[in-house]
Protein backbone atom coordinates (compact mmCIF):
# COMPACT_ATOMS: atom_id res chain seq x y z
CA MET A 1 22.30 33.17 14.68
CA ASN A 2 19.55 35.75 14.17
CA ASP A 3 16.26 35.41 12.30
CA GLU A 4 17.52 37.37 9.31
CA LYS A 5 20.34 34.87 8.81
CA PHE A 6 17.91 31.94 9.04
CA PHE A 7 15.64 33.47 6.40
CA GLU A 8 18.66 34.04 4.13
CA ILE A 9 19.56 30.36 4.48
CA ARG A 10 15.96 29.37 3.71
CA GLU A 11 16.08 31.22 0.38
CA LYS A 12 18.91 28.93 -0.77
CA MET A 13 17.05 25.72 0.12
CA LYS A 14 14.31 23.69 -1.52
CA ASP A 15 11.05 22.89 0.29
CA ARG A 16 11.58 20.26 3.02
CA GLU A 17 15.33 20.31 2.46
CA TYR A 18 17.47 20.30 5.60
CA MET A 19 21.05 21.22 6.36
CA SER A 20 23.39 21.03 9.35
CA ILE A 21 25.30 24.09 10.51
CA ASN A 22 28.28 23.68 12.82
CA GLU A 23 29.00 26.95 14.59
CA TYR A 24 30.83 27.75 17.83
CA GLY A 25 30.64 24.17 19.04
CA SER A 26 26.92 23.88 18.26
CA ARG A 27 25.30 21.63 15.68
CA VAL A 28 22.14 23.24 14.35
CA LEU A 29 19.68 21.57 11.98
CA VAL A 30 17.76 23.95 9.72
CA VAL A 31 14.68 22.72 7.84
CA ARG A 32 12.82 24.66 5.17
CA SER A 33 9.08 24.43 5.72
CA PRO A 34 7.01 24.93 2.54
CA ASN A 35 4.47 26.94 4.55
CA ARG A 36 4.28 30.59 5.58
CA TYR A 37 4.07 29.37 9.18
CA PRO A 38 5.61 25.96 9.94
CA ASP A 39 3.19 23.08 10.42
CA ILE A 40 5.12 21.52 13.29
CA VAL A 41 3.58 18.04 13.24
CA ASN A 42 3.63 17.60 9.47
CA ASP A 43 7.05 19.22 8.95
CA VAL A 44 8.66 17.09 11.66
CA GLU A 45 7.09 13.88 10.33
CA ARG A 46 8.33 14.62 6.81
CA LEU A 47 11.79 15.47 8.15
CA VAL A 48 11.97 12.19 10.05
CA GLU A 49 11.20 10.27 6.85
CA ARG A 50 14.00 12.00 4.92
CA ILE A 51 16.82 12.63 7.35
CA LYS A 52 19.85 10.35 7.48
CA ILE A 53 20.44 8.72 10.85
CA ASN A 54 23.84 10.32 11.42
CA ASP A 55 22.43 13.76 10.58
CA ALA A 56 19.98 13.43 13.49
CA LYS A 57 22.65 12.74 16.11
CA ALA A 58 24.27 15.20 18.55
CA LEU A 59 22.05 18.12 17.55
CA THR A 60 21.95 21.17 19.80
CA ASP A 61 19.03 22.91 18.05
CA VAL A 62 16.46 22.25 15.32
CA TYR A 63 14.67 25.07 13.50
CA LEU A 64 11.73 24.87 11.11
CA ILE A 65 11.95 27.91 8.85
CA GLY A 66 8.69 29.03 7.31
CA GLU A 67 8.21 31.99 5.02
CA LYS A 68 7.13 34.24 7.90
CA GLU A 69 7.98 32.36 11.11
CA ILE A 70 10.74 30.27 12.70
CA VAL A 71 9.90 27.46 15.13
CA ASN A 72 12.38 25.78 17.46
CA VAL A 73 11.98 22.01 17.99
CA GLN A 74 13.67 20.03 20.73
CA PRO A 75 16.50 17.94 19.19
CA LYS A 76 15.65 14.99 21.44
CA ILE A 77 12.28 14.69 19.70
CA ILE A 78 13.97 14.30 16.32
CA GLU A 79 16.50 11.84 17.71
CA VAL A 80 13.81 9.62 19.26
CA LEU A 81 11.58 9.70 16.17
CA VAL A 82 14.49 8.82 13.87
CA ARG A 83 15.46 5.94 16.15
CA ASN A 84 11.86 4.69 15.99
CA ARG A 85 11.97 4.98 12.20
CA LYS A 86 15.13 2.89 12.11
CA GLU A 87 13.43 0.15 14.15
CA TYR A 88 10.43 0.33 11.82
CA ASP A 89 12.65 0.06 8.72
CA ASP A 90 14.54 -2.87 10.26
CA LYS A 91 11.30 -4.84 10.59
CA ILE A 92 10.22 -4.05 7.03
CA VAL A 93 13.61 -5.04 5.61
CA GLU A 94 13.74 -8.31 7.53
CA LYS A 95 10.32 -9.20 6.12
CA MET A 96 11.41 -8.30 2.57
CA ARG A 97 14.69 -10.20 2.92
CA ASN A 98 12.74 -13.35 3.72
CA GLN A 99 10.27 -12.81 0.87
CA LEU A 100 12.59 -11.81 -1.98
CA SER A 101 15.08 -13.94 -3.82
CA VAL A 102 18.35 -12.44 -5.10
CA ASN A 103 17.75 -9.82 -7.86
CA GLU A 104 14.02 -9.74 -7.10
CA SER A 105 12.17 -6.54 -6.26
CA THR A 106 8.74 -5.47 -5.10
CA ILE A 107 6.70 -2.30 -4.67
CA PHE A 108 4.53 -2.07 -1.56
CA THR A 109 2.85 0.10 1.06
CA ASP A 110 2.85 -0.73 4.75
CA LYS A 111 -0.45 -0.93 6.62
CA ASN A 112 1.11 0.81 9.65
CA ASP A 113 2.27 3.81 7.62
CA VAL A 114 -0.01 6.80 8.23
CA TYR A 115 1.00 8.42 4.92
CA LYS A 116 0.82 5.13 2.97
CA LEU A 117 4.10 5.94 1.25
CA CYS A 118 4.92 3.75 -1.72
CA ARG A 119 8.13 1.76 -1.09
CA PHE A 120 10.44 -0.24 -3.34
CA ALA A 121 12.66 -3.10 -2.13
CA PHE A 122 15.43 -4.74 -4.16
CA ARG A 123 17.41 -7.80 -3.01
CA ILE A 124 21.08 -7.26 -3.84
CA PRO A 125 23.16 -10.33 -4.79
CA GLY A 126 25.91 -9.73 -2.25
CA GLU A 127 26.91 -7.61 0.71
CA ILE A 128 25.45 -4.15 1.09
CA ASP A 129 28.84 -2.45 0.67
CA GLU A 130 28.72 -3.68 -2.93
CA TYR A 131 25.41 -1.96 -3.73
CA SER A 132 27.00 0.74 -5.91
CA VAL A 133 28.04 -2.00 -8.35
CA PHE A 134 24.42 -3.07 -8.85
CA ILE A 135 22.53 0.19 -8.51
CA LYS A 136 22.68 1.21 -12.18
CA LYS A 137 21.30 -2.17 -13.21
CA ILE A 138 18.09 -1.50 -11.30
CA GLN A 139 15.15 -0.27 -13.35
CA MET A 140 13.82 3.01 -11.98
CA PRO A 141 10.67 2.40 -9.90
CA PRO A 142 7.44 4.26 -10.77
CA GLU A 143 7.10 7.97 -10.08
CA ASP A 144 4.98 7.47 -6.94
CA VAL A 145 7.69 5.52 -5.08
CA SER A 146 9.06 7.55 -2.15
CA ILE A 147 11.48 5.21 -0.36
CA ILE A 148 13.87 2.59 -1.70
CA TYR A 149 15.47 -0.27 0.25
CA LEU A 150 18.53 -1.98 -1.20
CA ILE A 151 18.80 -5.18 0.82
CA GLY A 152 22.00 -7.20 1.20
CA ASN A 153 22.63 -10.46 3.02
CA ASP A 154 23.09 -8.90 6.45
CA ASP A 155 22.42 -5.17 6.08
CA TYR A 156 20.56 -2.65 3.93
CA VAL A 157 20.61 0.89 2.57
CA ARG A 158 17.56 3.16 2.74
CA ILE A 159 17.44 5.85 0.04
CA MET A 160 14.83 8.51 -0.71
CA ALA A 161 13.61 8.35 -4.31
CA ASP A 162 15.07 11.75 -5.24
CA ASP A 163 18.52 10.67 -4.09
CA PHE A 164 18.14 7.32 -5.85
CA VAL A 165 17.48 9.10 -9.14
CA LYS A 166 20.80 10.92 -8.82
CA LEU A 167 22.65 7.69 -8.09
CA LEU A 168 20.93 5.81 -10.89
CA ARG A 169 21.57 8.19 -13.74
CA SER A 170 23.74 11.21 -13.08
CA LYS A 171 23.29 14.32 -15.18
CA GLU A 172 26.92 14.25 -16.30
CA GLU A 173 26.60 10.69 -17.56
CA CYS A 174 23.41 11.39 -19.51
CA ILE A 175 24.71 14.60 -21.07
CA GLY A 176 27.91 12.82 -22.09
CA ARG A 177 25.93 10.03 -23.75
CA MET A 178 23.77 12.56 -25.60
CA LYS A 179 26.83 14.38 -26.94
CA GLU A 180 28.29 11.09 -28.16
CA LYS A 181 24.98 10.25 -29.83
CA PHE A 182 24.87 13.61 -31.63
CA ILE A 183 28.50 13.41 -32.80
CA SER A 184 28.07 9.85 -34.11
CA SER A 185 25.00 11.05 -36.04
CA GLY A 186 26.92 13.83 -37.77
CA TYR A 187 25.92 16.77 -35.56
CA GLU A 188 28.24 19.54 -34.39
CA ILE A 189 28.07 20.40 -30.68
CA ILE A 190 27.70 24.16 -30.15
CA ASN A 191 27.52 26.35 -27.04
CA LEU A 192 24.17 27.97 -26.27
CA ASP A 193 23.12 29.50 -22.95
CA GLY A 194 20.16 27.99 -21.12
CA VAL A 195 20.53 24.37 -22.27
CA ASP A 196 22.77 21.43 -21.40
CA VAL A 197 23.50 20.44 -25.01
CA ALA A 198 22.95 22.15 -28.35
CA ALA A 199 23.63 20.38 -31.64
CA LEU A 200 23.62 21.55 -35.26
CA LYS A 201 23.53 19.66 -38.56
CA GLY A 202 22.88 21.74 -41.66
CA ASN A 203 19.81 23.84 -40.91
CA GLN A 204 18.61 21.54 -38.13
CA ARG A 205 19.13 22.70 -34.56
CA MET A 206 18.35 20.59 -31.47
CA VAL A 207 18.66 21.48 -27.79
CA VAL A 208 18.74 19.23 -24.73
CA THR A 209 18.02 19.78 -21.03
CA TYR A 210 18.26 17.24 -18.20
CA PHE A 211 16.05 17.15 -15.07
CA ASP A 212 16.34 14.80 -12.09
CA ARG A 213 12.56 15.04 -11.77
CA CYS A 214 10.64 16.75 -14.54
CA SER A 215 7.57 18.94 -13.98
CA VAL A 216 5.13 20.66 -16.34
CA GLU A 217 6.83 23.96 -15.47
CA ASP A 218 10.20 22.52 -16.53
CA VAL A 219 8.80 21.49 -19.92
CA GLU A 220 7.05 24.84 -20.33
CA ASN A 221 10.36 26.63 -19.70
CA MET A 222 12.09 24.33 -22.18
CA LEU A 223 9.44 25.12 -24.79
CA ASN A 224 10.12 28.84 -24.31
CA ILE A 225 13.84 28.18 -24.81
CA VAL A 226 13.14 26.22 -27.99
CA GLU A 227 11.12 29.13 -29.38
CA HIS A 228 13.70 31.71 -28.28
CA LEU A 229 16.62 29.80 -29.83
CA ARG A 230 14.56 28.90 -32.90
CA ALA A 231 15.40 25.24 -32.42
CA ASP A 232 13.59 22.51 -34.34
CA VAL A 233 12.94 20.45 -31.23
CA GLY A 234 13.80 20.38 -27.54
CA LEU A 235 14.81 17.06 -26.01
CA VAL A 236 13.99 16.72 -22.31
CA ILE A 237 15.84 13.96 -20.46
CA SER A 238 14.75 12.50 -17.13
CA VAL A 239 14.50 9.13 -15.40
CA ASN A 240 10.72 9.18 -15.56
CA PHE A 241 7.89 11.47 -16.65
CA PRO A 242 4.59 11.97 -14.79
CA LYS A 243 1.37 11.65 -16.78
CA GLU A 244 0.67 15.39 -16.61
CA VAL A 245 4.07 16.12 -18.17
CA LYS A 246 3.41 13.68 -21.01
CA ARG A 247 0.02 15.28 -21.66
CA PHE A 248 1.47 18.79 -21.67
CA ALA A 249 4.28 17.90 -24.09
CA MET A 250 2.00 16.14 -26.56
CA GLY A 251 1.87 17.89 -29.95
CA LYS A 252 4.55 20.42 -29.02
CA LYS A 253 8.14 20.84 -30.20
CA ILE A 254 9.29 18.76 -27.26
CA GLU A 255 10.46 15.16 -27.11
CA LEU A 256 10.59 13.38 -23.74
CA ILE A 257 13.44 10.89 -23.41
CA LYS A 258 13.94 8.58 -20.43
CA THR A 259 17.55 8.05 -19.40
CA ASP A 260 17.46 4.35 -20.28
CA GLU A 261 16.24 5.20 -23.81
CA ILE A 262 19.26 7.32 -24.83
CA GLY A 263 21.10 4.33 -26.30
CA ASP A 264 18.16 3.55 -28.62
CA LEU A 265 17.58 7.15 -29.67
CA PHE A 266 17.55 7.74 -33.43
CA LEU A 267 18.63 11.23 -34.48
């Protein structure tokens, strides 16, 4: 695979996202570095925190793709670091399993963690293969949490916060609930480009957009859509909202709605 192909792949990825490519008997891991030139130490450390254990096995090549440069990393390095991470997680989980009662949770940082990542542990009332039954009952941890441990009696699941958000409240579920809320309040659902839901009642027009993680730029774009569509208000749905987003939206034709507040929403 030539450099041009790698850069094409990079354009389709988000910063720090990785993907496996199986080609001609090879298993290549491609990682998008957020930098013009990959920061090998930092990019590898961040990859090791995010990558799933099975995704780090049997690799033939690993490439960090920066904006201007591609760096090859020995697969064995990734494999060893991920194995070390697994041993590290095992120790943390065993400690949390002994500390937490069933249905209890805690937020913590580990003194041995160089990055001091904020972690969330939840003790599941059952075996770990049943975690999907309980996951939507868990209250979303604060915005600064990076890693989540769902701990069963004998095993555990480690999930990055971004992935946990998707499991906790899927976009399809939230949009469906919003449509039901509008219809039950006498609104007509209409099709408008650029938004997930648009609803009309008399002269009142409301538009809705969902974000897994909401940024100031997302709200700014939504505000432009509200003005362009001449809507009365734009409803932005997300699991949580950072302080800077709340400050930006204040006093504007934007209403921020957390996913667990949809049921109590008055239209």
